């Protein structure tokens, strides 16, 4: 996850300093004997200290848990009621109105941690309570408007930072997708170039013979063209089932009249180069050692102990059923059944 904006430890440190400052002001007001009774003030200070400590703990998610936001709101409701009960609204109470800035600080922390609704309810209650306690004129005199402004600024900044974080995540995701797409395109280009190179190497000599003879080929040359067509098809369908040894044995089998089908359906990608070469050399040995009329080699999906299965069928009888496209157990018998393991036993 990408973090954008001010480091969290800096925000926590600033919040802790402001919170401690309000508690210092509350303590100082007690030395001036402004409150009628210090008991409710001590309770308010304890509640505020507990709420700010919980809110500033550098653990957990950035977004404040619901229960913590509700606790902060309850503390904000309690602070004005506890403190103003011990103050005279008709007099200048000085630092005894520390609770106003404390409410603003606590609700600013709540808003910064993305619980804006609770923060606005908290300062809204402060506004209403102040008007009922000392009248509208006290809103500016004891700093209630400043507390509301703090919450507003916090809301704007935290919303902007959250949007910047989401945008940065989208940009990073788009960059990764673009990189993956480019890598895939480069892989496709490389694969096409490799297959074209293989095709050119295999077909170049025969193409020259076709050009030299003006297309008048002998039966043997036409048959060789069919073998080359099969070899080119192998490069497309066989892919990782091919190495030089397999190519040579497949061509030998086709020239003696066998039908060879190579199907790479994935499953060899997890093999190392050494294991892949060992498996393919074993496939080449199997092709060289069978006289089957039909040979099918197919990869096995990942997760199996077997890498390649090889099946060889030999036509028995007169082959009439196969010639008519009918399946008959009497016309084909299994001449080869081989499972090539992924690892050496």
Protein backbone atom coordinates (compact mmCIF):
# COMPACT_ATOMS: atom_id res chain seq x y z
CA UNK A 1 0.00 0.00 0.00
CA UNK A 2 1.28 3.49 -0.86
CA UNK A 3 1.32 6.19 1.83
CA UNK A 4 1.00 9.78 0.75
CA UNK A 5 1.35 12.84 2.98
CA UNK A 6 2.68 13.63 6.44
CA UNK A 7 4.30 10.73 8.34
CA UNK A 8 2.02 9.27 10.98
CA UNK A 9 4.52 9.63 13.82
CA UNK A 10 4.69 13.40 13.19
CA UNK A 11 0.90 13.76 13.37
CA UNK A 12 0.82 11.66 16.55
CA UNK A 13 3.56 13.77 18.14
CA UNK A 14 1.82 17.05 17.35
CA UNK A 15 -1.50 15.74 18.64
CA UNK A 16 0.14 14.57 21.87
CA UNK A 17 1.73 17.99 22.45
CA UNK A 18 -1.55 19.84 21.90
CA UNK A 19 -3.41 17.44 24.17
CA UNK A 20 -0.83 17.78 26.94
CA UNK A 21 -0.99 21.57 26.63
CA UNK A 22 -4.74 21.58 27.29
CA UNK A 23 -4.21 19.49 30.41
CA UNK A 24 -1.58 21.97 31.57
CA UNK A 25 -4.08 24.81 31.12
CA UNK A 26 -6.69 22.86 33.08
CA UNK A 27 -4.24 22.34 35.92
CA UNK A 28 -3.31 26.01 35.91
CA UNK A 29 -6.96 27.05 36.11
CA UNK A 30 -7.28 24.95 39.26
CA UNK A 31 -4.44 26.91 40.86
CA UNK A 32 -6.35 30.11 40.16
CA UNK A 33 -9.40 28.74 42.02
CA UNK A 34 -11.65 29.60 39.10
CA UNK A 35 -13.85 26.45 39.17
CA UNK A 36 -16.28 26.18 42.06
CA UNK A 37 -15.22 22.57 42.69
CA UNK A 38 -12.17 20.75 41.26
CA UNK A 39 -13.78 17.30 41.35
CA UNK A 40 -15.63 17.47 37.99
CA UNK A 41 -12.55 19.09 36.43
CA UNK A 42 -10.37 16.13 37.42
CA UNK A 43 -12.92 13.75 35.92
CA UNK A 44 -12.98 15.78 32.69
CA UNK A 45 -9.18 15.80 32.54
CA UNK A 46 -9.04 12.04 33.07
CA UNK A 47 -11.63 11.38 30.35
CA UNK A 48 -9.85 13.67 27.92
CA UNK A 49 -6.44 12.11 28.64
CA UNK A 50 -7.86 8.61 28.13
CA UNK A 51 -9.60 9.54 24.86
CA UNK A 52 -6.58 11.28 23.34
CA UNK A 53 -4.21 8.50 24.43
CA UNK A 54 -6.40 5.85 22.77
CA UNK A 55 -6.80 7.99 19.66
CA UNK A 56 -3.08 8.68 19.29
CA UNK A 57 -1.78 5.15 19.84
CA UNK A 58 0.48 4.44 16.83
CA UNK A 59 -1.11 1.05 16.19
CA UNK A 60 -4.02 -0.29 14.22
CA UNK A 61 -5.56 1.01 11.00
CA UNK A 62 -5.48 4.64 9.93
CA UNK A 63 -9.28 4.81 9.98
CA UNK A 64 -10.43 5.05 13.58
CA UNK A 65 -12.54 2.11 14.82
CA UNK A 66 -16.22 2.86 15.29
CA UNK A 67 -16.17 2.17 19.03
CA UNK A 68 -13.29 4.61 19.55
CA UNK A 69 -15.03 7.36 17.58
CA UNK A 70 -18.19 6.81 19.66
CA UNK A 71 -16.14 6.98 22.89
CA UNK A 72 -14.53 10.25 21.76
CA UNK A 73 -17.94 11.69 21.00
CA UNK A 74 -19.17 10.68 24.46
CA UNK A 75 -16.14 12.37 26.04
CA UNK A 76 -16.80 15.52 24.00
CA UNK A 77 -20.37 15.61 25.28
CA UNK A 78 -19.20 15.09 28.86
CA UNK A 79 -16.41 17.70 28.91
CA UNK A 80 -18.52 20.87 28.47
CA UNK A 81 -21.17 19.60 30.86
CA UNK A 82 -18.65 18.76 33.59
CA UNK A 83 -16.55 21.92 33.28
CA UNK A 84 -19.21 24.56 32.67
CA UNK A 85 -21.17 23.28 35.66
CA UNK A 86 -18.32 24.69 37.78
CA UNK A 87 -17.97 28.02 35.91
CA UNK A 88 -19.86 31.32 35.96
CA UNK A 89 -20.94 32.23 32.40
CA UNK A 90 -21.23 35.91 33.33
CA UNK A 91 -17.55 36.23 34.21
CA UNK A 92 -14.27 35.86 32.38
CA UNK A 93 -13.13 32.34 33.15
CA UNK A 94 -9.71 32.58 31.48
CA UNK A 95 -7.92 29.25 31.09
CA UNK A 96 -10.79 27.46 32.79
CA UNK A 97 -12.42 27.18 29.37
CA UNK A 98 -9.61 24.82 28.26
CA UNK A 99 -12.26 22.25 27.41
CA UNK A 100 -13.21 24.18 24.24
CA UNK A 101 -9.77 23.72 22.69
CA UNK A 102 -9.65 20.18 24.07
CA UNK A 103 -12.90 19.34 22.29
CA UNK A 104 -11.55 20.88 19.09
CA UNK A 105 -8.31 18.91 19.36
CA UNK A 106 -10.03 15.58 20.07
CA UNK A 107 -12.52 16.05 17.24
CA UNK A 108 -9.71 17.13 14.89
CA UNK A 109 -7.90 13.87 15.69
CA UNK A 110 -11.14 11.97 15.08
CA UNK A 111 -11.65 13.72 11.74
CA UNK A 112 -8.03 13.15 10.73
CA UNK A 113 -8.59 9.46 11.30
CA UNK A 114 -11.50 9.56 8.85
CA UNK A 115 -14.47 9.67 11.21
CA UNK A 116 -15.78 13.00 9.97
CA UNK A 117 -19.40 12.50 10.98
CA UNK A 118 -18.51 11.96 14.65
CA UNK A 119 -16.20 14.99 14.55
CA UNK A 120 -18.88 17.29 13.18
CA UNK A 121 -21.46 16.02 15.67
CA UNK A 122 -18.98 16.69 18.48
CA UNK A 123 -18.22 20.31 17.55
CA UNK A 124 -21.89 20.83 16.73
CA UNK A 125 -22.78 19.81 20.27
CA UNK A 126 -20.10 22.19 21.57
CA UNK A 127 -21.67 25.07 19.63
CA UNK A 128 -25.19 24.32 20.89
CA UNK A 129 -24.05 23.81 24.50
CA UNK A 130 -22.07 27.07 24.46
CA UNK A 131 -25.02 29.06 23.16
CA UNK A 132 -27.31 27.58 25.81
CA UNK A 133 -24.74 28.14 28.57
CA UNK A 134 -23.36 31.63 27.80
CA UNK A 135 -25.17 32.89 24.71
CA UNK A 136 -24.05 33.29 21.06
CA UNK A 137 -21.49 35.94 21.99
CA UNK A 138 -19.38 33.32 23.75
CA UNK A 139 -18.74 31.39 20.51
CA UNK A 140 -15.93 33.71 19.54
CA UNK A 141 -14.86 34.72 23.03
CA UNK A 142 -13.93 31.27 24.32
CA UNK A 143 -12.71 29.84 21.00
CA UNK A 144 -15.61 27.65 19.85
CA UNK A 145 -15.39 29.00 16.30
CA UNK A 146 -11.69 28.10 16.21
CA UNK A 147 -12.47 24.51 17.20
CA UNK A 148 -15.02 24.26 14.40
CA UNK A 149 -12.47 25.64 11.93
CA UNK A 150 -9.89 23.05 13.06
CA UNK A 151 -12.30 20.24 12.31
CA UNK A 152 -13.16 21.76 8.93
CA UNK A 153 -9.50 22.07 7.92
CA UNK A 154 -8.82 18.53 9.14
CA UNK A 155 -11.75 17.20 7.11
CA UNK A 156 -10.51 18.90 3.94
CA UNK A 157 -6.89 17.79 4.40
CA UNK A 158 -7.65 14.18 5.34
CA UNK A 159 -10.12 13.84 2.46
CA UNK A 160 -7.54 15.25 0.07
CA UNK A 161 -4.84 12.92 1.37
CA UNK A 162 -7.16 9.92 1.10
CA UNK A 163 -7.99 10.85 -2.49
CA UNK A 164 -4.29 11.28 -3.28
CA UNK A 165 -3.60 7.84 -1.82
CA UNK A 166 -6.34 6.25 -3.93
CA UNK A 167 -5.07 8.02 -7.05
CA UNK A 168 -1.50 6.89 -6.35
CA UNK A 169 -2.70 3.30 -5.90
CA UNK A 170 -4.60 3.46 -9.19
CA UNK A 171 -1.57 4.89 -10.96
CA UNK A 172 0.67 2.20 -9.49
CA UNK A 173 -1.79 -0.50 -10.55
CA UNK A 174 -2.02 0.98 -14.05
CA UNK A 175 1.78 1.08 -14.23
CA UNK A 176 2.03 -2.58 -13.22
CA UNK A 177 -0.62 -3.54 -15.76
CA UNK A 178 1.19 -1.56 -18.47
CA UNK A 179 4.47 -3.26 -17.55
CA UNK A 180 2.83 -6.69 -17.63
CA UNK A 181 1.21 -5.90 -20.98
CA UNK A 182 4.54 -4.74 -22.42
CA UNK A 183 6.28 -7.85 -21.13
CA UNK A 184 3.56 -10.04 -22.65
CA UNK A 185 3.84 -8.25 -25.99
CA UNK A 186 7.61 -8.61 -25.98
CA UNK A 187 7.21 -12.30 -25.18
CA UNK A 188 4.75 -12.70 -28.07
CA UNK A 189 7.13 -10.92 -30.43
CA UNK A 190 10.02 -13.09 -29.31
CA UNK A 191 7.90 -16.22 -29.68
CA UNK A 192 6.81 -15.23 -33.20
CA UNK A 193 10.38 -14.43 -34.22
CA UNK A 194 11.62 -17.72 -32.80
CA UNK A 195 8.91 -19.74 -34.57
CA UNK A 196 9.51 -17.89 -37.84
CA UNK A 197 13.22 -18.61 -37.50
CA UNK A 198 12.54 -22.29 -36.89
CA UNK A 199 10.15 -22.43 -39.85
CA UNK A 200 12.62 -20.69 -42.13
CA UNK A 201 15.39 -23.07 -41.11
CA UNK A 202 13.26 -26.14 -41.77
CA UNK A 203 11.61 -25.02 -44.99
CA UNK A 204 14.38 -23.00 -46.66
CA UNK A 205 16.01 -25.89 -48.48
CA UNK A 206 12.72 -27.24 -49.79
CA UNK A 207 11.62 -23.76 -50.88
CA UNK A 208 14.80 -23.45 -52.88
CA UNK A 209 14.12 -26.80 -54.56
CA UNK A 210 10.58 -25.68 -55.38
CA UNK A 211 11.93 -22.48 -56.88
CA UNK A 212 14.63 -24.29 -58.84
CA UNK A 213 12.14 -26.80 -60.30
CA UNK A 214 9.45 -24.18 -60.97
CA UNK A 215 7.06 -26.13 -58.75
CA UNK A 216 7.49 -29.45 -60.60
CA UNK A 217 8.15 -31.78 -57.68
CA UNK A 218 8.60 -35.51 -57.59
CA UNK A 219 6.37 -37.69 -55.44
CA UNK A 220 9.17 -38.00 -52.90
CA UNK A 221 9.54 -34.23 -52.74
CA UNK A 222 5.80 -33.77 -52.31
CA UNK A 223 5.83 -36.24 -49.48
CA UNK A 224 8.75 -34.39 -47.91
CA UNK A 225 6.72 -31.19 -48.14
CA UNK A 226 3.98 -32.88 -46.12
CA UNK A 227 6.54 -33.92 -43.54
CA UNK A 228 7.78 -30.34 -43.33
CA UNK A 229 4.22 -29.13 -42.92
CA UNK A 230 3.84 -31.51 -39.99
CA UNK A 231 7.12 -30.25 -38.51
CA UNK A 232 5.93 -26.65 -38.78
CA UNK A 233 2.66 -27.65 -37.11
CA UNK A 234 4.69 -29.23 -34.31
CA UNK A 235 6.40 -25.90 -33.68
CA UNK A 236 3.00 -24.35 -33.06
CA UNK A 237 1.26 -27.13 -31.13
CA UNK A 238 4.24 -28.90 -29.63
CA UNK A 239 6.25 -25.93 -28.36
CA UNK A 240 8.08 -27.20 -25.25
CA UNK A 241 7.75 -30.81 -26.35
CA UNK A 242 10.46 -30.13 -28.92
CA UNK A 243 14.21 -30.19 -28.87
CA UNK A 244 16.59 -31.19 -31.63
CA UNK A 245 16.49 -34.88 -30.67
CA UNK A 246 12.66 -34.97 -30.64
CA UNK A 247 12.49 -33.13 -33.99
CA UNK A 248 14.83 -35.64 -35.60
CA UNK A 249 12.96 -38.70 -34.28
CA UNK A 250 9.56 -37.27 -35.23
CA UNK A 251 10.79 -36.74 -38.80
CA UNK A 252 12.21 -40.29 -38.93
CA UNK A 253 8.87 -41.70 -37.73
CA UNK A 254 6.92 -39.72 -40.31
CA UNK A 255 9.21 -40.75 -43.12
CA UNK A 256 8.54 -44.41 -42.30
CA UNK A 257 4.81 -43.69 -42.54
CA UNK A 258 3.79 -43.11 -38.92
CA UNK A 259 1.45 -40.35 -37.78
CA UNK A 260 2.92 -38.32 -34.93
CA UNK A 261 0.97 -35.76 -32.90
CA UNK A 262 2.61 -33.53 -30.32
CA UNK A 263 0.36 -31.53 -27.98
CA UNK A 264 1.80 -29.09 -25.46
CA UNK A 265 -1.10 -28.05 -23.24
CA UNK A 266 1.08 -26.53 -20.56
CA UNK A 267 2.54 -28.26 -17.55
CA UNK A 268 6.24 -28.11 -18.39
CA UNK A 269 6.79 -24.47 -17.45
CA UNK A 270 7.81 -25.34 -13.90
CA UNK A 271 10.61 -27.67 -15.01
CA UNK A 272 14.19 -26.49 -14.90
CA UNK A 273 16.21 -26.49 -18.11
CA UNK A 274 18.04 -29.62 -16.99
CA UNK A 275 14.85 -31.54 -16.14
CA UNK A 276 13.16 -30.38 -19.34
CA UNK A 277 16.07 -31.61 -21.45
CA UNK A 278 16.04 -34.94 -19.61
CA UNK A 279 12.31 -35.39 -20.19
CA UNK A 280 12.54 -34.49 -23.89
CA UNK A 281 15.49 -36.81 -24.45
CA UNK A 282 13.42 -39.62 -22.91
CA UNK A 283 10.62 -38.76 -25.33
CA UNK A 284 13.06 -38.92 -28.24
CA UNK A 285 14.21 -42.37 -27.08
CA UNK A 286 10.60 -43.55 -26.92
CA UNK A 287 9.94 -42.33 -30.48
CA UNK A 288 13.09 -44.02 -31.73
CA UNK A 289 12.23 -47.33 -30.06
CA UNK A 290 8.67 -47.81 -31.28
CA UNK A 291 7.24 -49.06 -34.57
CA UNK A 292 3.71 -47.78 -33.81
CA UNK A 293 1.71 -46.38 -36.71
CA UNK A 294 0.23 -43.59 -34.58
CA UNK A 295 2.04 -41.81 -31.77
CA UNK A 296 0.52 -39.15 -29.54
CA UNK A 297 2.65 -37.27 -26.99
CA UNK A 298 0.82 -34.94 -24.62
CA UNK A 299 1.91 -32.85 -21.64
CA UNK A 300 0.34 -33.35 -18.22
CA UNK A 301 -0.83 -30.31 -16.18
CA UNK A 302 1.26 -29.12 -13.25
CA UNK A 303 0.68 -30.92 -9.97
CA UNK A 304 1.13 -34.40 -11.39
CA UNK A 305 4.25 -36.54 -10.99
CA UNK A 306 4.07 -37.26 -14.72
CA UNK A 307 5.38 -34.71 -17.22
CA UNK A 308 4.48 -36.36 -20.56
CA UNK A 309 2.30 -39.27 -21.60
CA UNK A 310 3.14 -41.11 -24.81
CA UNK A 311 0.70 -43.47 -26.52
CA UNK A 312 1.58 -45.53 -29.58
CA UNK A 313 -1.04 -47.44 -31.59
CA UNK A 314 -0.39 -50.14 -34.16
CA UNK A 315 -2.94 -50.96 -36.85
CA UNK A 316 -3.83 -54.65 -36.99
CA UNK A 317 -6.01 -56.57 -39.44
CA UNK A 318 -6.63 -54.99 -42.83
CA UNK A 319 -7.26 -51.50 -41.41
CA UNK A 320 -10.56 -51.19 -43.22
CA UNK A 321 -12.43 -49.79 -40.24
CA UNK A 322 -9.88 -47.04 -39.74
CA UNK A 323 -9.94 -46.23 -43.41
CA UNK A 324 -13.71 -45.73 -43.21
CA UNK A 325 -13.34 -43.45 -40.18
CA UNK A 326 -14.83 -46.02 -37.81
CA UNK A 327 -13.40 -46.80 -34.41
CA UNK A 328 -12.69 -50.45 -33.75
CA UNK A 329 -10.69 -52.09 -31.02
CA UNK A 330 -9.78 -54.81 -33.50
CA UNK A 331 -8.04 -52.37 -35.87
CA UNK A 332 -5.76 -50.69 -33.30
CA UNK A 333 -3.70 -52.13 -30.51
CA UNK A 334 -1.53 -50.33 -27.99
CA UNK A 335 2.09 -50.67 -29.01
CA UNK A 336 3.47 -48.09 -26.61
CA UNK A 337 2.32 -46.64 -23.30
CA UNK A 338 4.79 -44.46 -21.48
CA UNK A 339 4.58 -41.94 -18.66
CA UNK A 340 7.68 -39.78 -18.37
CA UNK A 341 8.09 -38.54 -14.78
CA UNK A 342 8.93 -34.94 -13.89
CA UNK A 343 11.69 -35.93 -11.50
CA UNK A 344 14.18 -38.75 -11.40
CA UNK A 345 13.01 -41.45 -9.03
